[in-house]
C-alpha atoms as a PDB file:
ATOM      1  CA  MET A   1      84.034  28.587  35.762  1.00  0.00           C
ATOM      2  CA  LYS A   2      81.321  27.145  33.785  1.00  0.00           C
ATOM      3  CA  LYS A   3      77.549  27.768  34.768  1.00  0.00           C
ATOM      4  CA  VAL A   4      74.990  25.650  33.586  1.00  0.00           C
ATOM      5  CA  LEU A   5      71.284  26.129  34.620  1.00  0.00           C
ATOM      6  CA  GLY A   6      72.029  28.239  37.584  1.00  0.00           C
ATOM      7  CA  TYR A   7      74.854  26.083  38.885  1.00  0.00           C
ATOM      8  CA  THR A   8      78.643  26.184  39.146  1.00  0.00           C
ATOM      9  CA  LYS A   9      80.893  22.966  39.192  1.00  0.00           C
ATOM     10  CA  ARG A  10      83.355  23.351  41.931  1.00  0.00           C
ATOM     11  CA  PHE A  11      85.734  21.128  44.098  1.00  0.00           C
ATOM     12  CA  SER A  12      84.118  21.243  47.508  1.00  0.00           C
ATOM     13  CA  VAL A  13      84.795  20.042  51.111  1.00  0.00           C
ATOM     14  CA  LEU A  14      82.065  19.098  53.329  1.00  0.00           C
ATOM     15  CA  SER A  15      80.169  22.545  53.152  1.00  0.00           C
ATOM     16  CA  SER A  16      80.049  25.940  51.442  1.00  0.00           C
ATOM     17  CA  ILE A  17      81.170  27.396  54.755  1.00  0.00           C
ATOM     18  CA  LEU A  18      84.482  25.514  54.571  1.00  0.00           C
ATOM     19  CA  VAL A  19      84.956  26.532  50.994  1.00  0.00           C
ATOM     20  CA  ALA A  20      84.384  30.303  51.921  1.00  0.00           C
ATOM     21  CA  ALA A  21      86.959  29.922  54.640  1.00  0.00           C
ATOM     22  CA  ILE A  22      89.353  28.475  51.989  1.00  0.00           C
ATOM     23  CA  ALA A  23      88.480  30.818  49.294  1.00  0.00           C
ATOM     24  CA  GLY A  24      88.797  33.919  51.697  1.00  0.00           C
ATOM     25  CA  PRO A  25      88.081  37.294  49.555  1.00  0.00           C
ATOM     26  CA  ALA A  26      87.140  35.148  46.510  1.00  0.00           C
ATOM     27  CA  PHE A  27      83.732  34.661  48.246  1.00  0.00           C
ATOM     28  CA  THR A  28      81.343  37.555  47.631  1.00  0.00           C
ATOM     29  CA  GLY A  29      78.785  36.280  49.968  1.00  0.00           C
ATOM     30  CA  VAL A  30      75.782  36.901  47.415  1.00  0.00           C
ATOM     31  CA  CYS A  31      77.336  34.788  44.748  1.00  0.00           C
ATOM     32  CA  LEU A  32      78.923  31.485  44.902  1.00  0.00           C
ATOM     33  CA  ASP A  33      80.221  31.957  41.338  1.00  0.00           C
ATOM     34  CA  GLY A  34      83.138  33.827  42.811  1.00  0.00           C
ATOM     35  CA  VAL A  35      84.624  30.739  44.526  1.00  0.00           C
ATOM     36  CA  VAL A  36      87.767  29.356  42.950  1.00  0.00           C
ATOM     37  CA  SER A  37      88.360  25.672  42.918  1.00  0.00           C
ATOM     38  CA  ALA A  38      90.124  24.747  45.993  1.00  0.00           C
ATOM     39  CA  LYS A  39      92.632  21.835  45.712  1.00  0.00           C
ATOM     40  CA  THR A  40      91.639  20.082  48.917  1.00  0.00           C
ATOM     41  CA  GLY A  41      91.581  16.615  47.764  1.00  0.00           C
ATOM     42  CA  GLY A  42      87.812  16.512  48.236  1.00  0.00           C
ATOM     43  CA  TYR A  43      85.027  15.401  45.913  1.00  0.00           C
ATOM     44  CA  ALA A  44      83.623  17.242  42.872  1.00  0.00           C
ATOM     45  CA  ARG A  45      80.080  18.740  43.459  1.00  0.00           C
ATOM     46  CA  ALA A  46      77.724  21.067  41.488  1.00  0.00           C
ATOM     47  CA  THR A  47      76.717  24.065  43.387  1.00  0.00           C
ATOM     48  CA  TYR A  48      73.624  26.224  42.426  1.00  0.00           C
ATOM     49  CA  ILE A  49      73.956  29.821  42.763  1.00  0.00           C
ATOM     50  CA  LEU A  50      71.728  32.795  43.336  1.00  0.00           C
ATOM     51  CA  PRO A  51      70.049  34.192  40.106  1.00  0.00           C
ATOM     52  CA  PRO A  52      71.759  37.345  38.567  1.00  0.00           C
ATOM     53  CA  ASP A  53      68.638  39.286  39.305  1.00  0.00           C
ATOM     54  CA  ILE A  54      68.627  38.473  42.888  1.00  0.00           C
ATOM     55  CA  GLN A  55      72.434  39.308  43.058  1.00  0.00           C
ATOM     56  CA  LYS A  56      71.731  42.705  41.770  1.00  0.00           C
ATOM     57  CA  GLN A  57      68.438  43.727  43.073  1.00  0.00           C
ATOM     58  CA  GLY A  58      68.394  41.860  46.455  1.00  0.00           C
ATOM     59  CA  LEU A  59      65.180  40.080  47.727  1.00  0.00           C
ATOM     60  CA  THR A  60      62.596  40.608  50.360  1.00  0.00           C
ATOM     61  CA  PHE A  61      60.492  37.822  52.236  1.00  0.00           C
ATOM     62  CA  ALA A  62      57.414  38.441  53.976  1.00  0.00           C
ATOM     63  CA  GLN A  63      58.097  42.154  53.623  1.00  0.00           C
ATOM     64  CA  VAL A  64      61.292  41.860  55.183  1.00  0.00           C
ATOM     65  CA  LYS A  65      64.512  42.710  53.353  1.00  0.00           C
ATOM     66  CA  ILE A  66      66.948  39.682  53.317  1.00  0.00           C
ATOM     67  CA  PRO A  67      70.524  40.928  54.065  1.00  0.00           C
ATOM     68  CA  LEU A  68      72.210  38.919  51.222  1.00  0.00           C
ATOM     69  CA  ASP A  69      75.317  41.179  51.533  1.00  0.00           C
ATOM     70  CA  ARG A  70      76.215  39.431  54.676  1.00  0.00           C
ATOM     71  CA  ARG A  71      78.158  36.284  53.894  1.00  0.00           C
ATOM     72  CA  GLU A  72      76.719  34.160  56.633  1.00  0.00           C
ATOM     73  CA  VAL A  73      73.236  34.868  55.596  1.00  0.00           C
ATOM     74  CA  ALA A  74      73.834  34.226  51.911  1.00  0.00           C
ATOM     75  CA  ILE A  75      75.428  31.048  52.961  1.00  0.00           C
ATOM     76  CA  ARG A  76      72.392  29.859  55.008  1.00  0.00           C
ATOM     77  CA  ILE A  77      70.128  30.494  51.897  1.00  0.00           C
ATOM     78  CA  VAL A  78      72.192  29.079  49.240  1.00  0.00           C
ATOM     79  CA  ASP A  79      72.804  25.794  51.423  1.00  0.00           C
ATOM     80  CA  GLN A  80      69.311  25.422  51.542  1.00  0.00           C
ATOM     81  CA  MET A  81      68.814  26.077  47.792  1.00  0.00           C
ATOM     82  CA  ASN A  82      71.308  23.218  47.326  1.00  0.00           C
ATOM     83  CA  TYR A  83      69.523  20.942  49.679  1.00  0.00           C
ATOM     84  CA  LEU A  84      66.328  21.489  47.780  1.00  0.00           C
ATOM     85  CA  LEU A  85      67.557  21.275  44.529  1.00  0.00           C
ATOM     86  CA  MET A  86      69.971  18.179  45.007  1.00  0.00           C
ATOM     87  CA  ASP A  87      68.616  16.400  48.090  1.00  0.00           C
ATOM     88  CA  ARG A  88      65.023  17.141  47.963  1.00  0.00           C
ATOM     89  CA  ARG A  89      64.667  17.628  44.071  1.00  0.00           C
ATOM     90  CA  ALA A  90      61.913  14.921  43.558  1.00  0.00           C
ATOM     91  CA  GLY A  91      59.901  15.982  46.631  1.00  0.00           C
ATOM     92  CA  MET A  92      60.297  19.634  45.360  1.00  0.00           C
ATOM     93  CA  MET A  93      58.676  18.745  42.085  1.00  0.00           C
ATOM     94  CA  GLU A  94      55.841  17.151  43.672  1.00  0.00           C
ATOM     95  CA  TRP A  95      55.348  20.389  45.894  1.00  0.00           C
ATOM     96  CA  PHE A  96      55.114  22.209  42.830  1.00  0.00           C
ATOM     97  CA  ASP A  97      52.377  20.295  41.430  1.00  0.00           C
ATOM     98  CA  ARG A  98      50.386  20.739  44.674  1.00  0.00           C
ATOM     99  CA  MET A  99      51.254  24.389  44.647  1.00  0.00           C
ATOM    100  CA  ALA A 100      49.541  24.535  41.215  1.00  0.00           C
ATOM    101  CA  ILE A 101      46.559  22.961  42.543  1.00  0.00           C
ATOM    102  CA  TYR A 102      45.868  24.231  45.845  1.00  0.00           C
ATOM    103  CA  GLY A 103      48.285  27.470  45.863  1.00  0.00           C
ATOM    104  CA  PRO A 104      45.572  29.938  44.409  1.00  0.00           C
ATOM    105  CA  THR A 105      43.153  28.969  47.123  1.00  0.00           C
ATOM    106  CA  ILE A 106      45.440  29.447  49.906  1.00  0.00           C
ATOM    107  CA  ILE A 107      47.096  32.538  48.423  1.00  0.00           C
ATOM    108  CA  SER A 108      43.883  34.272  47.871  1.00  0.00           C
ATOM    109  CA  ILE A 109      42.926  33.959  51.463  1.00  0.00           C
ATOM    110  CA  LEU A 110      46.335  35.572  52.427  1.00  0.00           C
ATOM    111  CA  GLN A 111      45.860  38.208  50.081  1.00  0.00           C
ATOM    112  CA  ASP A 112      42.111  38.938  51.424  1.00  0.00           C
ATOM    113  CA  GLU A 113      43.518  39.089  55.004  1.00  0.00           C
ATOM    114  CA  LYS A 114      46.437  41.335  53.614  1.00  0.00           C
ATOM    115  CA  ILE A 115      48.970  38.648  54.883  1.00  0.00           C
ATOM    116  CA  PRO A 116      52.294  38.509  52.817  1.00  0.00           C
ATOM    117  CA  THR A 117      51.748  35.648  50.399  1.00  0.00           C
ATOM    118  CA  ASP A 118      55.299  34.636  50.984  1.00  0.00           C
ATOM    119  CA  LEU A 119      53.804  32.782  54.048  1.00  0.00           C
ATOM    120  CA  PHE A 120      52.383  30.199  51.569  1.00  0.00           C
ATOM    121  CA  TYR A 121      56.007  28.717  51.300  1.00  0.00           C
ATOM    122  CA  VAL A 122      55.970  28.088  55.095  1.00  0.00           C
ATOM    123  CA  SER A 123      52.759  26.039  54.740  1.00  0.00           C
ATOM    124  CA  VAL A 124      54.457  24.015  51.853  1.00  0.00           C
ATOM    125  CA  LEU A 125      57.316  23.350  54.149  1.00  0.00           C
ATOM    126  CA  MET A 126      55.422  22.246  57.282  1.00  0.00           C
ATOM    127  CA  SER A 127      52.802  20.212  55.401  1.00  0.00           C
ATOM    128  CA  ASP A 128      53.948  19.310  52.034  1.00  0.00           C
ATOM    129  CA  LEU A 129      50.588  20.725  51.108  1.00  0.00           C
ATOM    130  CA  THR A 130      48.890  17.486  52.031  1.00  0.00           C
ATOM    131  CA  SER A 131      46.090  17.560  54.306  1.00  0.00           C
ATOM    132  CA  ASN A 132      46.827  14.387  56.149  1.00  0.00           C
ATOM    133  CA  THR A 133      50.229  15.372  57.189  1.00  0.00           C
ATOM    134  CA  ARG A 134      50.983  14.632  60.959  1.00  0.00           C
ATOM    135  CA  THR A 135      54.127  16.134  62.543  1.00  0.00           C
ATOM    136  CA  LYS A 136      56.131  14.438  65.334  1.00  0.00           C
ATOM    137  CA  THR A 137      54.781  16.791  67.988  1.00  0.00           C
ATOM    138  CA  GLY A 138      51.082  16.171  66.761  1.00  0.00           C
ATOM    139  CA  GLY A 139      50.486  18.962  64.061  1.00  0.00           C
ATOM    140  CA  LEU A 140      48.153  18.310  61.525  1.00  0.00           C
ATOM    141  CA  GLY A 141      47.000  19.553  58.009  1.00  0.00           C
ATOM    142  CA  TRP A 142      48.146  22.292  55.839  1.00  0.00           C
ATOM    143  CA  TRP A 143      49.775  24.342  58.517  1.00  0.00           C
ATOM    144  CA  ALA A 144      50.598  21.678  61.099  1.00  0.00           C
ATOM    145  CA  LEU A 145      48.129  23.023  63.527  1.00  0.00           C
ATOM    146  CA  GLY A 146      47.494  21.556  66.863  1.00  0.00           C
ATOM    147  CA  SER A 147      50.985  20.435  68.023  1.00  0.00           C
ATOM    148  CA  SER A 148      52.402  20.750  71.476  1.00  0.00           C
ATOM    149  CA  LYS A 149      53.471  24.404  70.729  1.00  0.00           C
ATOM    150  CA  GLU A 150      49.754  25.520  70.646  1.00  0.00           C
ATOM    151  CA  LYS A 151      49.071  24.084  74.033  1.00  0.00           C
ATOM    152  CA  LYS A 152      51.464  26.574  75.342  1.00  0.00           C
ATOM    153  CA  ASN A 153      50.164  29.490  73.348  1.00  0.00           C
ATOM    154  CA  SER A 154      47.194  31.421  75.050  1.00  0.00           C
ATOM    155  CA  SER A 155      46.442  33.147  71.596  1.00  0.00           C
ATOM    156  CA  ALA A 156      45.620  29.929  69.915  1.00  0.00           C
ATOM    157  CA  VAL A 157      42.370  29.703  67.850  1.00  0.00           C
ATOM    158  CA  PRO A 158      40.079  26.806  68.433  1.00  0.00           C
ATOM    159  CA  TRP A 159      39.188  24.559  65.630  1.00  0.00           C
ATOM    160  CA  VAL A 160      36.561  21.901  65.319  1.00  0.00           C
ATOM    161  CA  SER A 161      37.799  18.357  65.445  1.00  0.00           C
ATOM    162  CA  THR A 162      35.478  15.352  65.631  1.00  0.00           C
ATOM    163  CA  ASN A 163      35.407  11.792  64.411  1.00  0.00           C
ATOM    164  CA  ASP A 164      34.112  12.816  61.147  1.00  0.00           C
ATOM    165  CA  TRP A 165      35.728  16.205  60.526  1.00  0.00           C
ATOM    166  CA  ASP A 166      38.709  18.435  61.361  1.00  0.00           C
ATOM    167  CA  ASP A 167      39.092  22.146  60.438  1.00  0.00           C
ATOM    168  CA  ARG A 168      42.957  21.556  60.235  1.00  0.00           C
ATOM    169  CA  ARG A 169      42.540  19.360  57.159  1.00  0.00           C
ATOM    170  CA  ASP A 170      40.335  21.952  55.273  1.00  0.00           C
ATOM    171  CA  PRO A 171      42.794  24.376  53.177  1.00  0.00           C
ATOM    172  CA  VAL A 172      40.522  27.303  53.742  1.00  0.00           C
ATOM    173  CA  LEU A 173      39.689  27.030  57.433  1.00  0.00           C
ATOM    174  CA  SER A 174      43.110  25.873  58.441  1.00  0.00           C
ATOM    175  CA  THR A 175      44.545  28.821  56.524  1.00  0.00           C
ATOM    176  CA  ARG A 176      42.186  31.240  58.278  1.00  0.00           C
ATOM    177  CA  ILE A 177      43.178  29.736  61.703  1.00  0.00           C
ATOM    178  CA  ALA A 178      46.872  29.976  60.995  1.00  0.00           C
ATOM    179  CA  ILE A 179      46.258  33.665  59.867  1.00  0.00           C
ATOM    180  CA  ASN A 180      44.890  34.529  63.217  1.00  0.00           C
ATOM    181  CA  LEU A 181      47.700  32.835  65.144  1.00  0.00           C
ATOM    182  CA  LEU A 182      50.287  34.602  62.944  1.00  0.00           C
ATOM    183  CA  GLN A 183      48.552  37.853  63.199  1.00  0.00           C
ATOM    184  CA  ASN A 184      48.617  37.715  66.983  1.00  0.00           C
ATOM    185  CA  LEU A 185      52.091  36.616  67.098  1.00  0.00           C
ATOM    186  CA  LEU A 186      53.086  39.678  64.812  1.00  0.00           C
ATOM    187  CA  LEU A 187      51.616  41.884  67.389  1.00  0.00           C
ATOM    188  CA  LYS A 188      54.183  40.586  69.959  1.00  0.00           C
ATOM    189  CA  THR A 189      57.222  41.602  67.788  1.00  0.00           C
ATOM    190  CA  ALA A 190      58.812  44.692  68.414  1.00  0.00           C
ATOM    191  CA  ASP A 191      58.963  46.062  64.733  1.00  0.00           C
ATOM    192  CA  LYS A 192      56.261  44.020  63.360  1.00  0.00           C
ATOM    193  CA  ASP A 193      58.740  41.550  61.956  1.00  0.00           C
ATOM    194  CA  TRP A 194      57.373  38.476  60.160  1.00  0.00           C
ATOM    195  CA  LEU A 195      60.319  36.326  60.621  1.00  0.00           C
ATOM    196  CA  PRO A 196      60.215  36.167  64.466  1.00  0.00           C
ATOM    197  CA  ALA A 197      56.481  35.615  63.966  1.00  0.00           C
ATOM    198  CA  ILE A 198      56.963  32.687  61.751  1.00  0.00           C
ATOM    199  CA  SER A 199      59.592  31.082  64.123  1.00  0.00           C
ATOM    200  CA  ALA A 200      57.130  31.442  67.063  1.00  0.00           C
ATOM    201  CA  PHE A 201      54.451  29.943  64.748  1.00  0.00           C
ATOM    202  CA  ALA A 202      56.671  26.971  64.143  1.00  0.00           C
ATOM    203  CA  ASP A 203      58.356  26.318  67.481  1.00  0.00           C
ATOM    204  CA  GLY A 204      56.115  27.972  70.209  1.00  0.00           C
ATOM    205  CA  SER A 205      56.087  31.574  71.333  1.00  0.00           C
ATOM    206  CA  ASP A 206      57.464  30.549  74.674  1.00  0.00           C
ATOM    207  CA  LYS A 207      60.684  29.735  73.190  1.00  0.00           C
ATOM    208  CA  ILE A 208      60.922  32.558  70.711  1.00  0.00           C
ATOM    209  CA  ASP A 209      59.945  35.206  73.209  1.00  0.00           C
ATOM    210  CA  ALA A 210      62.651  34.215  75.447  1.00  0.00           C
ATOM    211  CA  ILE A 211      65.226  34.368  72.683  1.00  0.00           C
ATOM    212  CA  VAL A 212      64.107  37.816  71.500  1.00  0.00           C
ATOM    213  CA  ARG A 213      63.913  39.376  75.035  1.00  0.00           C
ATOM    214  CA  LYS A 214      67.776  38.262  75.437  1.00  0.00           C
ATOM    215  CA  ALA A 215      68.715  39.834  72.171  1.00  0.00           C
ATOM    216  CA  PRO A 216      66.869  43.204  71.955  1.00  0.00           C
ATOM    217  CA  GLY A 217      67.568  45.192  68.551  1.00  0.00           C
ATOM    218  CA  PHE A 218      68.922  42.280  66.786  1.00  0.00           C
ATOM    219  CA  SER A 219      67.182  40.544  63.801  1.00  0.00           C
ATOM    220  CA  TYR A 220      66.248  36.928  63.206  1.00  0.00           C
ATOM    221  CA  TRP A 221      69.631  36.453  61.342  1.00  0.00           C
ATOM    222  CA  ASP A 222      71.504  37.503  64.465  1.00  0.00           C
ATOM    223  CA  MET A 223      69.774  35.167  66.878  1.00  0.00           C
ATOM    224  CA  VAL A 224      70.409  31.459  67.589  1.00  0.00           C
ATOM    225  CA  MET A 225      66.713  30.101  66.962  1.00  0.00           C
ATOM    226  CA  PRO A 226      65.511  26.567  67.758  1.00  0.00           C
ATOM    227  CA  PRO A 227      66.730  24.217  65.093  1.00  0.00           C
ATOM    228  CA  TYR A 228      63.435  23.801  63.424  1.00  0.00           C
ATOM    229  CA  SER A 229      62.828  27.649  62.820  1.00  0.00           C
ATOM    230  CA  ASP A 230      66.685  28.033  62.263  1.00  0.00           C
ATOM    231  CA  VAL A 231      66.196  26.128  59.076  1.00  0.00           C
ATOM    232  CA  LEU A 232      62.592  26.913  58.360  1.00  0.00           C
ATOM    233  CA  ILE A 233      63.242  30.585  57.340  1.00  0.00           C
ATOM    234  CA  PRO A 234      66.312  29.980  54.998  1.00  0.00           C
ATOM    235  CA  ARG A 235      64.428  27.139  53.442  1.00  0.00           C
ATOM    236  CA  ALA A 236      61.375  29.182  52.762  1.00  0.00           C
ATOM    237  CA  VAL A 237      63.427  32.030  51.372  1.00  0.00           C
ATOM    238  CA  ALA A 238      65.267  29.356  49.149  1.00  0.00           C
ATOM    239  CA  LEU A 239      62.184  27.979  47.968  1.00  0.00           C
ATOM    240  CA  LYS A 240      60.869  31.168  46.996  1.00  0.00           C
ATOM    241  CA  ILE A 241      63.801  31.955  45.093  1.00  0.00           C
ATOM    242  CA  ILE A 242      63.589  28.633  43.197  1.00  0.00           C
ATOM    243  CA  ASP A 243      60.051  28.625  42.461  1.00  0.00           C
ATOM    244  CA  ALA A 244      60.377  32.403  40.863  1.00  0.00           C
ATOM    245  CA  HIS A 245      63.349  31.095  38.781  1.00  0.00           C
ATOM    246  CA  ARG A 246      62.287  27.628  37.767  1.00  0.00           C
ATOM    247  CA  GLN A 247      63.977  27.870  34.294  1.00  0.00           C
ATOM    248  CA  PHE A 248      67.098  29.185  35.724  1.00  0.00           C
ATOM    249  CA  TYR A 249      67.342  26.058  37.862  1.00  0.00           C
ATOM    250  CA  GLY A 250      66.082  23.321  35.378  1.00  0.00           C
ATOM    251  CA  VAL A 251      62.984  22.662  37.162  1.00  0.00           C
ATOM    252  CA  ASP A 252      60.272  24.310  35.000  1.00  0.00           C
ATOM    253  CA  MET A 253      57.324  22.167  33.886  1.00  0.00           C
ATOM    254  CA  PRO A 254      53.970  22.407  32.777  1.00  0.00           C
ATOM    255  CA  GLY A 255      51.548  23.464  35.394  1.00  0.00           C
ATOM    256  CA  LEU A 256      48.493  21.710  36.474  1.00  0.00           C
ATOM    257  CA  PRO A 257      45.192  23.440  36.624  1.00  0.00           C
ATOM    258  CA  PRO A 258      44.116  24.882  39.966  1.00  0.00           C
ATOM    259  CA  LEU A 259      41.392  23.332  41.987  1.00  0.00           C
ATOM    260  CA  ALA A 260      37.912  24.425  40.605  1.00  0.00           C
ATOM    261  CA  TYR A 261      34.843  23.957  42.605  1.00  0.00           C
ATOM    262  CA  ASP A 262      31.547  25.414  43.484  1.00  0.00           C
ATOM    263  CA  PHE A 263      31.623  26.447  47.229  1.00  0.00           C
ATOM    264  CA  MET A 264      28.186  25.638  48.994  1.00  0.00           C
ATOM    265  CA  ASP A 265      29.084  27.537  52.093  1.00  0.00           C
ATOM    266  CA  ARG A 266      28.685  26.031  55.501  1.00  0.00           C
ATOM    267  CA  LEU A 267      25.699  23.712  55.289  1.00  0.00           C
ATOM    268  CA  LYS A 268      23.800  22.964  58.371  1.00  0.00           C
ATOM    269  CA  LEU A 269      22.756  19.403  57.584  1.00  0.00           C
ATOM    270  CA  VAL A 270      19.867  17.465  59.490  1.00  0.00           C
ATOM    271  CA  LYS A 271      21.592  14.309  59.026  1.00  0.00           C
ATOM    272  CA  ASP A 272      25.090  12.923  58.157  1.00  0.00           C
ATOM    273  CA  LEU A 273      25.903  12.976  54.425  1.00  0.00           C
ATOM    274  CA  PRO A 274      28.305  10.252  52.897  1.00  0.00           C
ATOM    275  CA  LEU A 275      30.445  11.727  50.267  1.00  0.00           C
ATOM    276  CA  HIS A 276      30.027   8.817  47.954  1.00  0.00           C
ATOM    277  CA  ILE A 277      26.290   9.858  47.520  1.00  0.00           C
ATOM    278  CA  VAL A 278      27.467  13.373  46.289  1.00  0.00           C
ATOM    279  CA  ALA A 279      30.118  11.797  44.192  1.00  0.00           C
ATOM    280  CA  LYS A 280      27.243   9.770  42.199  1.00  0.00           C
ATOM    281  CA  TRP A 281      25.202  13.018  41.995  1.00  0.00           C
ATOM    282  CA  CYS A 282      28.134  14.496  40.379  1.00  0.00           C
ATOM    283  CA  ASP A 283      29.169  11.805  38.300  1.00  0.00           C
ATOM    284  CA  THR A 284      32.551  11.643  39.843  1.00  0.00           C
ATOM    285  CA  SER A 285      34.541   9.289  42.311  1.00  0.00           C
ATOM    286  CA  PRO A 286      34.455   9.470  46.107  1.00  0.00           C
ATOM    287  CA  ARG A 287      38.169  10.111  45.952  1.00  0.00           C
ATOM    288  CA  ASN A 288      37.746  13.216  43.869  1.00  0.00           C
ATOM    289  CA  MET A 289      34.984  14.367  46.240  1.00  0.00           C
ATOM    290  CA  TRP A 290      37.270  13.710  49.160  1.00  0.00           C
ATOM    291  CA  GLU A 291      40.059  15.773  47.673  1.00  0.00           C
ATOM    292  CA  LEU A 292      37.508  18.723  47.383  1.00  0.00           C
ATOM    293  CA  ASN A 293      36.655  18.311  51.030  1.00  0.00           C
ATOM    294  CA  PRO A 294      39.811  17.036  52.697  1.00  0.00           C
ATOM    295  CA  GLY A 295      38.169  18.165  56.052  1.00  0.00           C
ATOM    296  CA  VAL A 296      36.103  14.948  56.202  1.00  0.00           C
ATOM    297  CA  ASP A 297      37.772  12.193  57.821  1.00  0.00           C
ATOM    298  CA  PRO A 298      38.843   9.804  54.945  1.00  0.00           C
ATOM    299  CA  ALA A 299      38.169   6.755  57.336  1.00  0.00           C
ATOM    300  CA  SER A 300      34.387   7.885  57.620  1.00  0.00           C
ATOM    301  CA  GLY A 301      33.805   9.733  54.501  1.00  0.00           C
ATOM    302  CA  ILE A 302      30.975  11.544  56.297  1.00  0.00           C
ATOM    303  CA  LEU A 303      30.100  15.242  56.086  1.00  0.00           C
ATOM    304  CA  PRO A 304      28.596  15.430  59.729  1.00  0.00           C
ATOM    305  CA  LYS A 305      25.364  16.997  60.475  1.00  0.00           C
ATOM    306  CA  SER A 306      25.197  20.115  62.403  1.00  0.00           C
ATOM    307  CA  ASP A 307      25.708  19.718  66.363  1.00  0.00           C
ATOM    308  CA  ALA A 308      26.946  21.380  69.176  1.00  0.00           C
ATOM    309  CA  LYS A 309      30.623  21.347  68.240  1.00  0.00           C
ATOM    310  CA  GLY A 310      29.762  22.284  64.486  1.00  0.00           C
ATOM    311  CA  SER A 311      26.832  24.644  65.267  1.00  0.00           C
ATOM    312  CA  ALA A 312      27.719  26.794  62.384  1.00  0.00           C
ATOM    313  CA  GLY A 313      27.574  23.857  59.915  1.00  0.00           C
ATOM    314  CA  PHE A 314      30.421  22.229  57.696  1.00  0.00           C
ATOM    315  CA  PRO A 315      31.529  23.434  54.329  1.00  0.00           C
ATOM    316  CA  LEU A 316      30.786  21.503  51.269  1.00  0.00           C
ATOM    317  CA  ARG A 317      32.645  21.819  48.014  1.00  0.00           C
ATOM    318  CA  VAL A 318      31.361  19.993  44.721  1.00  0.00           C
ATOM    319  CA  PRO A 319      32.594  20.003  40.980  1.00  0.00           C
ATOM    320  CA  LYS A 320      32.237  23.141  39.073  1.00  0.00           C
ATOM    321  CA  GLY A 321      28.850  23.567  37.857  1.00  0.00           C
ATOM    322  CA  LYS A 322      27.231  21.184  40.066  1.00  0.00           C
ATOM    323  CA  GLY A 323      26.413  23.398  43.114  1.00  0.00           C
ATOM    324  CA  THR A 324      22.634  24.312  42.033  1.00  0.00           C
ATOM    325  CA  GLU A 325      22.024  20.718  41.252  1.00  0.00           C
ATOM    326  CA  VAL A 326      23.603  19.298  44.390  1.00  0.00           C
ATOM    327  CA  ARG A 327      21.537  21.926  46.678  1.00  0.00           C
ATOM    328  CA  LYS A 328      18.435  20.632  45.290  1.00  0.00           C
ATOM    329  CA  LEU A 329      19.082  16.970  45.811  1.00  0.00           C
ATOM    330  CA  LEU A 330      20.200  17.712  49.365  1.00  0.00           C
ATOM    331  CA  VAL A 331      16.696  19.072  49.830  1.00  0.00           C
ATOM    332  CA  ARG A 332      15.026  16.391  48.059  1.00  0.00           C
ATOM    333  CA  ASP A 333      16.674  13.788  49.957  1.00  0.00           C
ATOM    334  CA  GLY A 334      16.318  15.288  53.485  1.00  0.00           C
ATOM    335  CA  TYR A 335      19.754  16.346  54.032  1.00  0.00           C
ATOM    336  CA  LEU A 336      18.957  19.863  53.868  1.00  0.00           C
ATOM    337  CA  ALA A 337      15.967  21.791  55.323  1.00  0.00           C
ATOM    338  CA  GLU A 338      14.305  23.911  52.674  1.00  0.00           C
END
C-alpha cells in the first residue's frame, strides 16, 4: 500500500470503524497502514495515519499517556486527524498562522504557571484563536469563558466586562482566568488527571462530575462524555500530532513572526484613552493597536479610565520600542498622572 505524506490510499466504507470491522486482525489499532483494501463497493478515500515515531514511542497529552495500543482510542484520534486534515484543512492552516503569532504569549503564561502547554491546543479548538469568538452557549474570547457552564461552577473566577473592555478578549488575562478555573477543576479529579478537568472546563463540572462518580477507577477514554468534550480531547490530541509533524502531513509552511510589543502594565488612567490617538503616536493604524489590545471593545475603541469595576486599571500594549515615548505622551496629555 502506497504511503504519501502521511496518508494511505484505501477503499473505505463510511468510517474507519467499519473498515476495522471488515479488516479484522489486519487493523493494528495504532496504525491504519495495516488495513487491507476491502472490496465493499464503497468509494476510494485517502486516509492519514499516525507518524512512525508516534507508533513506536507512543504519546502523552497534558502529562497523560494516551493508550494508543487500544484500537478504539487510536480510531478516535485518527478519525479526528482525518477530519482536521481533510474537512478542516483550510481552517487549520489559519490556526497555524495565529498559533505562530499568539502562541508564544499564551504558552509562556502556561509555562509560568506550570500548566501543561498542551492545553494551548484546547484554546485553539475552543476559540480559533480569535478574540471575538462567541460560542452558542455564550462563551467569549480565547478560552470561550463566560458560557452557561460557568454560571453553574462555583469556582468560576470573576472577570471585568464593561461596555469598553472585556478581560475574556485579552489573551493574557483570559489565559490566567482559564488557568485558575482549570487548576480548581484538576483538584477535584481523583488522580489529578487533566483530561476530565478539561472536559469539565468545556462542558461544566456538574455534568462531568456526575459521569465520573458513576465510573470510579475508569479513565476518560472509558467513559461516555457529553458530545462536545467527547470530541474535544481526541481532536486536541490529533491537532498536537499534526502540529508536531507538519512536514509529514504536508502542511508545513513558513511561520509568521510572534506578536512583539512593549507591555505598559495596568494603567490607572484618569480619562478614557482612544486607541486611535495611541496609534498616531506610534505611527501605526488603529487596527494594529486593537490587535495588540483586543480586550478593548472594537465598537468603542477606548481603553477606559480606572473606575470601580476596573480599580486595578487596564493593560496597554504598544509596538515594540514605543513604550517609553507613549508613557511620556500619556502624562503630557493628561491621561496618566505623573
